[in-house]
Amino acid sequence: GIIDPRGIFAAGSFADIRDRWQKMLPPHMIRLDSDKGYAHDVGELVNLHGRNKTVPKGDVVTPLRQLYDAGYALAILTNDSENSARKNMQDIGVLDLFCTIVGADSGYGSKPGPHGFFRCCEIAGVTPATSIMVGDTMADYGTATAAKAADFICVADHVDDRPHHDIDHAKVIGRIDQLPALMAARLAG
């Protein structure tokens, strides 16, 4: 299916989605944020249907390895849990390329807040003003803006699918395998 890059499933954390679901439940039903049975069942579903089944959109290993080999410090900032993101990166064979993974549960808040981005920069040994956020949602763009990142590169199937009209058309790529060339052009330009 298609996920709206501005919608809660792309821009929100699992906690945001859970809070939205809670509002739809009758008041006498379980509290999704504290029910241990619910948390266990969700964890089991994720493990059963999601683990070892991560499928990237196109070749991500080659371009990420190219960027890593070129000296770029790569980090992941996600509204997913840190552990889940770590497992997904391990599934596709790129976990070793990232200096850190900061999830919504890592203690720095969730996107579009800037604090997770600040933490990624701190671990990478860079400043936000020299860092580039690559993302596909309004939460990603909002984080880059809030953190005053040097730039934002959008991954979208089409330029019209970018999450905000202020994102320069030239900074929209359809796949991660286009990122090394865009970064090389930035350095040359």
Protein backbone atom coordinates (compact mmCIF):
# COMPACT_ATOMS: atom_id res chain seq x y z
CA GLY A 1 0.00 0.00 0.00
CA ILE A 2 0.86 3.64 -0.12
CA ILE A 3 1.59 5.53 3.08
CA ASP A 4 0.92 9.26 3.18
CA PRO A 5 4.33 10.87 3.90
CA ARG A 6 2.50 13.54 5.90
CA GLY A 7 0.30 11.07 7.81
CA ILE A 8 0.71 9.61 11.26
CA PHE A 9 2.04 6.24 10.05
CA ALA A 10 5.00 7.95 8.38
CA ALA A 11 5.41 11.03 10.53
CA GLY A 12 4.45 9.72 13.95
CA SER A 13 6.06 7.37 16.42
CA PHE A 14 4.44 4.13 17.51
CA ALA A 15 3.44 5.97 20.69
CA ASP A 16 1.67 8.62 18.58
CA ILE A 17 -0.21 5.93 16.66
CA ARG A 18 -1.07 4.09 19.88
CA ASP A 19 -2.44 7.34 21.39
CA ARG A 20 -4.61 7.84 18.31
CA TRP A 21 -5.92 4.28 18.61
CA GLN A 22 -6.62 4.79 22.31
CA LYS A 23 -8.93 7.70 21.50
CA MET A 24 -10.98 5.39 19.28
CA LEU A 25 -11.49 2.77 21.99
CA PRO A 26 -14.39 2.91 24.45
CA PRO A 27 -13.27 4.36 27.82
CA HIS A 28 -13.75 1.05 29.68
CA MET A 29 -11.27 -0.83 27.45
CA ILE A 30 -7.56 -1.42 28.10
CA ARG A 31 -4.98 1.35 28.34
CA LEU A 32 -2.72 0.70 25.37
CA ASP A 33 0.17 2.61 26.93
CA SER A 34 0.28 0.47 30.08
CA ASP A 35 -1.34 -2.92 29.38
CA LYS A 36 1.43 -5.53 29.53
CA GLY A 37 -0.60 -8.11 27.59
CA TYR A 38 -1.11 -5.68 24.73
CA ALA A 39 2.61 -4.78 24.69
CA HIS A 40 3.52 -8.47 24.66
CA ASP A 41 1.09 -9.26 21.84
CA VAL A 42 2.35 -6.36 19.70
CA GLY A 43 5.94 -7.49 20.26
CA GLU A 44 5.03 -11.04 19.23
CA LEU A 45 3.28 -9.81 16.07
CA VAL A 46 6.30 -7.71 15.10
CA ASN A 47 8.66 -10.62 15.70
CA LEU A 48 6.46 -13.05 13.79
CA HIS A 49 5.64 -10.87 10.79
CA GLY A 50 8.45 -8.35 10.62
CA ARG A 51 11.75 -9.78 11.77
CA ASN A 52 14.14 -11.12 9.15
CA LYS A 53 11.71 -9.91 6.47
CA THR A 54 12.96 -6.36 5.95
CA VAL A 55 12.95 -5.54 2.24
CA PRO A 56 14.64 -2.30 1.18
CA LYS A 57 13.41 -0.26 -1.73
CA GLY A 58 16.09 -1.05 -4.27
CA ASP A 59 19.78 -1.46 -3.56
CA VAL A 60 20.63 0.35 -0.34
CA VAL A 61 23.74 -1.63 0.59
CA THR A 62 25.94 -0.40 -2.27
CA PRO A 63 25.20 3.34 -1.97
CA LEU A 64 25.39 3.34 1.83
CA ARG A 65 28.70 1.49 1.69
CA GLN A 66 29.97 4.00 -0.91
CA LEU A 67 29.08 6.90 1.38
CA TYR A 68 30.63 5.17 4.38
CA ASP A 69 33.81 4.38 2.42
CA ALA A 70 33.96 8.02 1.27
CA GLY A 71 34.15 9.08 4.92
CA TYR A 72 30.59 10.13 5.62
CA ALA A 73 29.43 9.50 9.18
CA LEU A 74 26.05 7.80 8.85
CA ALA A 75 23.43 7.76 11.58
CA ILE A 76 19.81 6.74 11.82
CA LEU A 77 17.15 8.84 13.51
CA THR A 78 13.80 7.09 13.58
CA ASN A 79 10.39 7.31 15.18
CA ASP A 80 10.57 3.53 15.40
CA SER A 81 12.15 1.95 18.46
CA GLU A 82 15.93 1.86 18.48
CA ASN A 83 15.99 -1.92 18.81
CA SER A 84 13.57 -2.43 15.92
CA ALA A 85 15.58 -0.13 13.64
CA ARG A 86 18.78 -1.90 14.66
CA LYS A 87 17.24 -5.28 13.76
CA ASN A 88 15.98 -3.95 10.42
CA MET A 89 19.44 -2.64 9.50
CA GLN A 90 20.95 -5.96 10.53
CA ASP A 91 18.39 -7.77 8.34
CA ILE A 92 19.55 -5.89 5.24
CA GLY A 93 23.25 -6.02 6.12
CA VAL A 94 24.08 -2.38 6.79
CA LEU A 95 24.08 -2.11 10.58
CA ASP A 96 27.88 -1.83 10.69
CA LEU A 97 27.80 1.35 8.58
CA PHE A 98 26.02 3.48 11.17
CA CYS A 99 27.77 5.20 14.06
CA THR A 100 24.49 5.34 15.97
CA ILE A 101 20.80 4.61 15.81
CA VAL A 102 18.55 6.93 17.79
CA GLY A 103 14.96 5.78 18.15
CA ALA A 104 11.87 7.41 19.59
CA ASP A 105 12.57 5.42 22.76
CA SER A 106 16.26 6.41 23.10
CA GLY A 107 15.55 9.32 25.42
CA TYR A 108 15.79 12.24 22.98
CA GLY A 109 12.16 12.55 21.95
CA SER A 110 10.73 11.78 18.56
CA LYS A 111 10.80 13.58 15.24
CA PRO A 112 10.05 16.32 14.32
CA GLY A 113 11.81 17.44 17.49
CA PRO A 114 15.52 18.23 17.01
CA HIS A 115 17.04 16.47 20.03
CA GLY A 116 17.53 13.07 18.39
CA PHE A 117 19.28 14.79 15.49
CA PHE A 118 21.49 16.65 17.95
CA ARG A 119 22.40 13.32 19.55
CA CYS A 120 23.27 11.78 16.17
CA CYS A 121 25.51 14.76 15.41
CA GLU A 122 27.17 14.53 18.82
CA ILE A 123 28.02 10.85 18.35
CA ALA A 124 29.20 11.46 14.77
CA GLY A 125 31.41 14.32 15.94
CA VAL A 126 29.79 16.93 13.71
CA THR A 127 27.52 19.93 14.13
CA PRO A 128 23.97 20.19 12.82
CA ALA A 129 25.09 23.10 10.63
CA THR A 130 27.42 20.72 8.76
CA SER A 131 25.02 17.79 8.64
CA ILE A 132 22.47 16.67 6.09
CA MET A 133 19.20 14.98 6.97
CA VAL A 134 17.94 12.46 4.43
CA GLY A 135 14.31 11.50 4.81
CA ASP A 136 10.91 10.97 3.28
CA THR A 137 8.37 12.42 5.72
CA MET A 138 7.26 15.75 7.09
CA ALA A 139 8.67 14.63 10.46
CA ASP A 140 12.10 14.23 8.84
CA TYR A 141 11.91 17.63 7.17
CA GLY A 142 10.62 19.18 10.39
CA THR A 143 13.57 17.73 12.30
CA ALA A 144 16.06 19.10 9.78
CA THR A 145 14.43 22.52 10.01
CA ALA A 146 14.19 22.51 13.81
CA ALA A 147 17.81 21.38 14.18
CA LYS A 148 19.01 23.91 11.59
CA ALA A 149 20.67 21.16 9.56
CA ALA A 150 22.84 22.24 6.65
CA ASP A 151 20.39 20.67 4.23
CA PHE A 152 17.59 18.18 3.69
CA ILE A 153 17.52 15.59 0.93
CA CYS A 154 14.14 14.04 0.26
CA VAL A 155 13.54 10.49 -0.90
CA ALA A 156 10.24 10.42 -2.81
CA ASP A 157 8.88 8.59 -5.83
CA HIS A 158 8.12 11.90 -7.51
CA VAL A 159 8.95 15.52 -6.75
CA ASP A 160 5.24 16.15 -6.12
CA ASP A 161 5.37 13.55 -3.33
CA ARG A 162 7.89 15.52 -1.28
CA PRO A 163 6.45 16.31 2.17
CA HIS A 164 6.81 20.09 1.88
CA HIS A 165 6.78 22.47 -1.08
CA ASP A 166 9.88 24.30 0.24
CA ILE A 167 12.07 21.28 -0.52
CA ASP A 168 14.10 22.08 -3.62
CA HIS A 169 13.23 19.84 -6.59
CA ALA A 170 16.96 19.22 -7.16
CA LYS A 171 17.18 17.69 -3.68
CA VAL A 172 14.55 15.02 -4.29
CA ILE A 173 15.79 11.55 -5.17
CA GLY A 174 13.69 8.52 -6.01
CA ARG A 175 15.99 5.99 -4.36
CA ILE A 176 18.93 5.87 -1.98
CA ASP A 177 21.17 4.63 -4.79
CA GLN A 178 21.01 8.19 -6.19
CA LEU A 179 22.43 9.68 -2.98
CA PRO A 180 26.19 9.19 -3.61
CA ALA A 181 26.00 11.08 -6.92
CA LEU A 182 24.02 13.90 -5.32
CA MET A 183 26.55 14.15 -2.49
CA ALA A 184 29.44 14.16 -4.98
CA ALA A 185 27.73 16.96 -6.93
CA ARG A 186 27.34 18.95 -3.69
CA LEU A 187 31.08 18.65 -3.02
CA ALA A 188 31.98 19.60 -6.59
CA GLY A 189 29.51 22.46 -6.74
